[in-house]
Amino acid sequence: MFDPFFTTKPIGKDTGMGLSISYKIVMEKHHGKIWCDSTLREGSKFVIEIPVHQSEPIPS
């Protein structure tokens, strides 16, 4: 799901990079976590955790 170019849309409709980019920002830039909880016929929830205090400064 977080792989670049993964999409459920027909070929030629968007690139499927949104979650991959989001994952990189949360994980690499902010040292956080992102995951998806999904239950069949109930829905899905994306959880994003970003630390309040960074272990190292975020480069501009």
PDB file of N, CA and C in Angstrom:
ATOM      1  N   MET A   1       0.816  -1.185   0.000  1.00  0.00           N
ATOM      2  CA  MET A   1       0.000   0.000   0.000  1.00  0.00           C
ATOM      3  C   MET A   1       0.864   1.255   0.000  1.00  0.00           C
ATOM      4  N   PHE A   2       2.020   1.207   0.658  1.00  0.00           N
ATOM      5  CA  PHE A   2       2.887   2.373   0.706  1.00  0.00           C
ATOM      6  C   PHE A   2       3.930   2.356  -0.404  1.00  0.00           C
ATOM      7  N   ASP A   3       3.850   1.389  -1.321  1.00  0.00           N
ATOM      8  CA  ASP A   3       4.789   1.308  -2.438  1.00  0.00           C
ATOM      9  C   ASP A   3       4.474   2.378  -3.476  1.00  0.00           C
ATOM     10  N   PRO A   4       5.520   3.006  -4.039  1.00  0.00           N
ATOM     11  CA  PRO A   4       5.273   3.980  -5.112  1.00  0.00           C
ATOM     12  C   PRO A   4       4.557   3.307  -6.279  1.00  0.00           C
ATOM     13  N   PHE A   5       3.666   4.013  -6.884  1.00  0.00           N
ATOM     14  CA  PHE A   5       2.920   3.590  -8.071  1.00  0.00           C
ATOM     15  C   PHE A   5       1.837   2.555  -7.797  1.00  0.00           C
ATOM     16  N   PHE A   6       1.644   2.122  -6.544  1.00  0.00           N
ATOM     17  CA  PHE A   6       0.533   1.224  -6.253  1.00  0.00           C
ATOM     18  C   PHE A   6      -0.759   2.005  -6.411  1.00  0.00           C
ATOM     19  N   THR A   7      -1.684   1.468  -7.159  1.00  0.00           N
ATOM     20  CA  THR A   7      -2.976   2.115  -7.346  1.00  0.00           C
ATOM     21  C   THR A   7      -4.023   1.081  -7.677  1.00  0.00           C
ATOM     22  N   THR A   8      -5.243   1.373  -7.340  1.00  0.00           N
ATOM     23  CA  THR A   8      -6.363   0.504  -7.707  1.00  0.00           C
ATOM     24  C   THR A   8      -7.122   1.103  -8.880  1.00  0.00           C
ATOM     25  N   LYS A   9      -6.633   2.224  -9.381  1.00  0.00           N
ATOM     26  CA  LYS A   9      -7.298   2.905 -10.502  1.00  0.00           C
ATOM     27  C   LYS A   9      -6.826   2.326 -11.830  1.00  0.00           C
ATOM     28  N   PRO A  10      -7.601   2.540 -12.884  1.00  0.00           N
ATOM     29  CA  PRO A  10      -7.169   2.085 -14.209  1.00  0.00           C
ATOM     30  C   PRO A  10      -5.850   2.752 -14.620  1.00  0.00           C
ATOM     31  N   ILE A  11      -5.077   2.083 -15.471  1.00  0.00           N
ATOM     32  CA  ILE A  11      -3.813   2.612 -15.962  1.00  0.00           C
ATOM     33  C   ILE A  11      -4.053   3.973 -16.611  1.00  0.00           C
ATOM     34  N   GLY A  12      -3.188   4.931 -16.279  1.00  0.00           N
ATOM     35  CA  GLY A  12      -3.314   6.277 -16.826  1.00  0.00           C
ATOM     36  C   GLY A  12      -4.077   7.236 -15.926  1.00  0.00           C
ATOM     37  N   LYS A  13      -4.677   6.735 -14.862  1.00  0.00           N
ATOM     38  CA  LYS A  13      -5.415   7.582 -13.911  1.00  0.00           C
ATOM     39  C   LYS A  13      -4.568   7.766 -12.660  1.00  0.00           C
ATOM     40  N   ASP A  14      -3.935   8.912 -12.534  1.00  0.00           N
ATOM     41  CA  ASP A  14      -3.062   9.228 -11.405  1.00  0.00           C
ATOM     42  C   ASP A  14      -1.841   8.304 -11.376  1.00  0.00           C
ATOM     43  N   THR A  15      -0.942   8.563 -10.431  1.00  0.00           N
ATOM     44  CA  THR A  15       0.299   7.792 -10.364  1.00  0.00           C
ATOM     45  C   THR A  15       0.367   6.870  -9.160  1.00  0.00           C
ATOM     46  N   GLY A  16      -0.520   7.021  -8.186  1.00  0.00           N
ATOM     47  CA  GLY A  16      -0.492   6.157  -7.013  1.00  0.00           C
ATOM     48  C   GLY A  16       0.683   6.447  -6.090  1.00  0.00           C
ATOM     49  N   MET A  17       1.159   7.694  -6.031  1.00  0.00           N
ATOM     50  CA  MET A  17       2.335   8.003  -5.215  1.00  0.00           C
ATOM     51  C   MET A  17       1.997   8.713  -3.906  1.00  0.00           C
ATOM     52  N   GLY A  18       0.753   9.026  -3.662  1.00  0.00           N
ATOM     53  CA  GLY A  18       0.377   9.802  -2.473  1.00  0.00           C
ATOM     54  C   GLY A  18       0.781   9.170  -1.159  1.00  0.00           C
ATOM     55  N   LEU A  19       0.461   7.898  -0.959  1.00  0.00           N
ATOM     56  CA  LEU A  19       0.803   7.247   0.298  1.00  0.00           C
ATOM     57  C   LEU A  19       2.304   7.023   0.423  1.00  0.00           C
ATOM     58  N   SER A  20       2.972   6.767  -0.678  1.00  0.00           N
ATOM     59  CA  SER A  20       4.423   6.578  -0.648  1.00  0.00           C
ATOM     60  C   SER A  20       5.119   7.862  -0.209  1.00  0.00           C
ATOM     61  N   ILE A  21       4.691   8.982  -0.749  1.00  0.00           N
ATOM     62  CA  ILE A  21       5.269  10.273  -0.372  1.00  0.00           C
ATOM     63  C   ILE A  21       4.956  10.583   1.093  1.00  0.00           C
ATOM     64  N   SER A  22       3.723  10.342   1.502  1.00  0.00           N
ATOM     65  CA  SER A  22       3.332  10.572   2.894  1.00  0.00           C
ATOM     66  C   SER A  22       4.170   9.722   3.841  1.00  0.00           C
ATOM     67  N   TYR A  23       4.372   8.468   3.479  1.00  0.00           N
ATOM     68  CA  TYR A  23       5.169   7.554   4.283  1.00  0.00           C
ATOM     69  C   TYR A  23       6.596   8.078   4.452  1.00  0.00           C
ATOM     70  N   LYS A  24       7.203   8.518   3.355  1.00  0.00           N
ATOM     71  CA  LYS A  24       8.575   9.035   3.418  1.00  0.00           C
ATOM     72  C   LYS A  24       8.660  10.271   4.314  1.00  0.00           C
ATOM     73  N   ILE A  25       7.694  11.168   4.205  1.00  0.00           N
ATOM     74  CA  ILE A  25       7.708  12.385   5.023  1.00  0.00           C
ATOM     75  C   ILE A  25       7.586  12.033   6.502  1.00  0.00           C
ATOM     76  N   VAL A  26       6.628  11.195   6.839  1.00  0.00           N
ATOM     77  CA  VAL A  26       6.398  10.844   8.245  1.00  0.00           C
ATOM     78  C   VAL A  26       7.581  10.054   8.815  1.00  0.00           C
ATOM     79  N   MET A  27       8.047   9.041   8.082  1.00  0.00           N
ATOM     80  CA  MET A  27       9.099   8.154   8.586  1.00  0.00           C
ATOM     81  C   MET A  27      10.485   8.799   8.554  1.00  0.00           C
ATOM     82  N   GLU A  28      10.866   9.346   7.411  1.00  0.00           N
ATOM     83  CA  GLU A  28      12.239   9.827   7.242  1.00  0.00           C
ATOM     84  C   GLU A  28      12.452  11.247   7.757  1.00  0.00           C
ATOM     85  N   LYS A  29      11.521  12.125   7.481  1.00  0.00           N
ATOM     86  CA  LYS A  29      11.721  13.525   7.860  1.00  0.00           C
ATOM     87  C   LYS A  29      11.374  13.779   9.325  1.00  0.00           C
ATOM     88  N   HIS A  30      10.315  13.124   9.814  1.00  0.00           N
ATOM     89  CA  HIS A  30       9.847  13.380  11.183  1.00  0.00           C
ATOM     90  C   HIS A  30      10.111  12.229  12.150  1.00  0.00           C
ATOM     91  N   HIS A  31      10.683  11.127  11.663  1.00  0.00           N
ATOM     92  CA  HIS A  31      10.979   9.953  12.504  1.00  0.00           C
ATOM     93  C   HIS A  31       9.726   9.455  13.228  1.00  0.00           C
ATOM     94  N   GLY A  32       8.617   9.461  12.512  1.00  0.00           N
ATOM     95  CA  GLY A  32       7.354   9.021  13.083  1.00  0.00           C
ATOM     96  C   GLY A  32       6.959   7.651  12.577  1.00  0.00           C
ATOM     97  N   LYS A  33       5.682   7.345  12.719  1.00  0.00           N
ATOM     98  CA  LYS A  33       5.124   6.060  12.292  1.00  0.00           C
ATOM     99  C   LYS A  33       3.823   6.318  11.541  1.00  0.00           C
ATOM    100  N   ILE A  34       3.533   5.469  10.568  1.00  0.00           N
ATOM    101  CA  ILE A  34       2.256   5.534   9.850  1.00  0.00           C
ATOM    102  C   ILE A  34       1.832   4.115   9.522  1.00  0.00           C
ATOM    103  N   TRP A  35       0.569   3.805   9.788  1.00  0.00           N
ATOM    104  CA  TRP A  35       0.063   2.479   9.461  1.00  0.00           C
ATOM    105  C   TRP A  35      -1.436   2.554   9.219  1.00  0.00           C
ATOM    106  N   CYS A  36      -1.963   1.455   8.734  1.00  0.00           N
ATOM    107  CA  CYS A  36      -3.382   1.384   8.401  1.00  0.00           C
ATOM    108  C   CYS A  36      -4.017   0.235   9.168  1.00  0.00           C
ATOM    109  N   ASP A  37      -5.112   0.523   9.851  1.00  0.00           N
ATOM    110  CA  ASP A  37      -5.936  -0.510  10.479  1.00  0.00           C
ATOM    111  C   ASP A  37      -7.174  -0.663   9.608  1.00  0.00           C
ATOM    112  N   SER A  38      -7.441  -1.884   9.171  1.00  0.00           N
ATOM    113  CA  SER A  38      -8.569  -2.112   8.275  1.00  0.00           C
ATOM    114  C   SER A  38      -9.336  -3.353   8.700  1.00  0.00           C
ATOM    115  N   THR A  39     -10.663  -3.231   8.718  1.00  0.00           N
ATOM    116  CA  THR A  39     -11.528  -4.351   9.044  1.00  0.00           C
ATOM    117  C   THR A  39     -12.559  -4.497   7.936  1.00  0.00           C
ATOM    118  N   LEU A  40     -12.630  -5.694   7.377  1.00  0.00           N
ATOM    119  CA  LEU A  40     -13.552  -5.973   6.276  1.00  0.00           C
ATOM    120  C   LEU A  40     -14.979  -5.580   6.654  1.00  0.00           C
ATOM    121  N   ARG A  41     -15.623  -4.862   5.779  1.00  0.00           N
ATOM    122  CA  ARG A  41     -17.010  -4.389   5.917  1.00  0.00           C
ATOM    123  C   ARG A  41     -17.212  -3.352   7.029  1.00  0.00           C
ATOM    124  N   GLU A  42     -16.109  -2.908   7.663  1.00  0.00           N
ATOM    125  CA  GLU A  42     -16.237  -1.885   8.689  1.00  0.00           C
ATOM    126  C   GLU A  42     -15.515  -0.604   8.315  1.00  0.00           C
ATOM    127  N   GLY A  43     -14.426  -0.733   7.540  1.00  0.00           N
ATOM    128  CA  GLY A  43     -13.704   0.460   7.107  1.00  0.00           C
ATOM    129  C   GLY A  43     -12.226   0.396   7.441  1.00  0.00           C
ATOM    130  N   SER A  44     -11.553   1.473   7.136  1.00  0.00           N
ATOM    131  CA  SER A  44     -10.118   1.572   7.340  1.00  0.00           C
ATOM    132  C   SER A  44      -9.780   2.870   8.056  1.00  0.00           C
ATOM    133  N   LYS A  45      -8.670   2.835   8.779  1.00  0.00           N
ATOM    134  CA  LYS A  45      -8.223   4.009   9.518  1.00  0.00           C
ATOM    135  C   LYS A  45      -6.715   4.104   9.352  1.00  0.00           C
ATOM    136  N   PHE A  46      -6.230   5.286   8.960  1.00  0.00           N
ATOM    137  CA  PHE A  46      -4.797   5.542   8.889  1.00  0.00           C
ATOM    138  C   PHE A  46      -4.382   6.225  10.177  1.00  0.00           C
ATOM    139  N   VAL A  47      -3.307   5.724  10.766  1.00  0.00           N
ATOM    140  CA  VAL A  47      -2.795   6.278  12.016  1.00  0.00           C
ATOM    141  C   VAL A  47      -1.422   6.872  11.734  1.00  0.00           C
ATOM    142  N   ILE A  48      -1.228   8.120  12.151  1.00  0.00           N
ATOM    143  CA  ILE A  48       0.046   8.812  11.957  1.00  0.00           C
ATOM    144  C   ILE A  48       0.523   9.294  13.324  1.00  0.00           C
ATOM    145  N   GLU A  49       1.739   8.902  13.689  1.00  0.00           N
ATOM    146  CA  GLU A  49       2.349   9.366  14.930  1.00  0.00           C
ATOM    147  C   GLU A  49       3.606  10.154  14.584  1.00  0.00           C
ATOM    148  N   ILE A  50       3.675  11.376  15.071  1.00  0.00           N
ATOM    149  CA  ILE A  50       4.862  12.212  14.876  1.00  0.00           C
ATOM    150  C   ILE A  50       5.323  12.643  16.265  1.00  0.00           C
ATOM    151  N   PRO A  51       6.596  12.373  16.595  1.00  0.00           N
ATOM    152  CA  PRO A  51       7.085  12.733  17.930  1.00  0.00           C
ATOM    153  C   PRO A  51       7.007  14.235  18.185  1.00  0.00           C
ATOM    154  N   VAL A  52       6.728  14.585  19.424  1.00  0.00           N
ATOM    155  CA  VAL A  52       6.671  15.994  19.819  1.00  0.00           C
ATOM    156  C   VAL A  52       8.077  16.584  19.793  1.00  0.00           C
ATOM    157  N   HIS A  53       9.055  15.817  20.247  1.00  0.00           N
ATOM    158  CA  HIS A  53      10.443  16.267  20.279  1.00  0.00           C
ATOM    159  C   HIS A  53      11.245  15.426  19.307  1.00  0.00           C
ATOM    160  N   GLN A  54      11.979  16.084  18.425  1.00  0.00           N
ATOM    161  CA  GLN A  54      12.820  15.395  17.449  1.00  0.00           C
ATOM    162  C   GLN A  54      14.175  15.070  18.082  1.00  0.00           C
ATOM    163  N   SER A  55      14.716  13.892  17.734  1.00  0.00           N
ATOM    164  CA  SER A  55      16.023  13.499  18.270  1.00  0.00           C
ATOM    165  C   SER A  55      17.145  14.291  17.602  1.00  0.00           C
ATOM    166  N   GLU A  56      16.895  14.803  16.412  1.00  0.00           N
ATOM    167  CA  GLU A  56      17.879  15.624  15.700  1.00  0.00           C
ATOM    168  C   GLU A  56      17.129  16.708  14.938  1.00  0.00           C
ATOM    169  N   PRO A  57      17.744  17.833  14.667  1.00  0.00           N
ATOM    170  CA  PRO A  57      17.052  18.917  13.936  1.00  0.00           C
ATOM    171  C   PRO A  57      16.623  18.453  12.542  1.00  0.00           C
ATOM    172  N   ILE A  58      15.463  18.923  12.119  1.00  0.00           N
ATOM    173  CA  ILE A  58      14.964  18.636  10.772  1.00  0.00           C
ATOM    174  C   ILE A  58      15.613  19.615   9.810  1.00  0.00           C
ATOM    175  N   PRO A  59      16.341  19.102   8.800  1.00  0.00           N
ATOM    176  CA  PRO A  59      16.974  20.026   7.835  1.00  0.00           C
ATOM    177  C   PRO A  59      15.931  20.779   7.030  1.00  0.00           C
ATOM    178  N   SER A  60      16.224  22.014   6.702  1.00  0.00           N
ATOM    179  CA  SER A  60      15.271  22.826   5.937  1.00  0.00           C
ATOM    180  C   SER A  60      15.346  22.521   4.469  1.00  0.00           C
TER     181      SER A  60
END
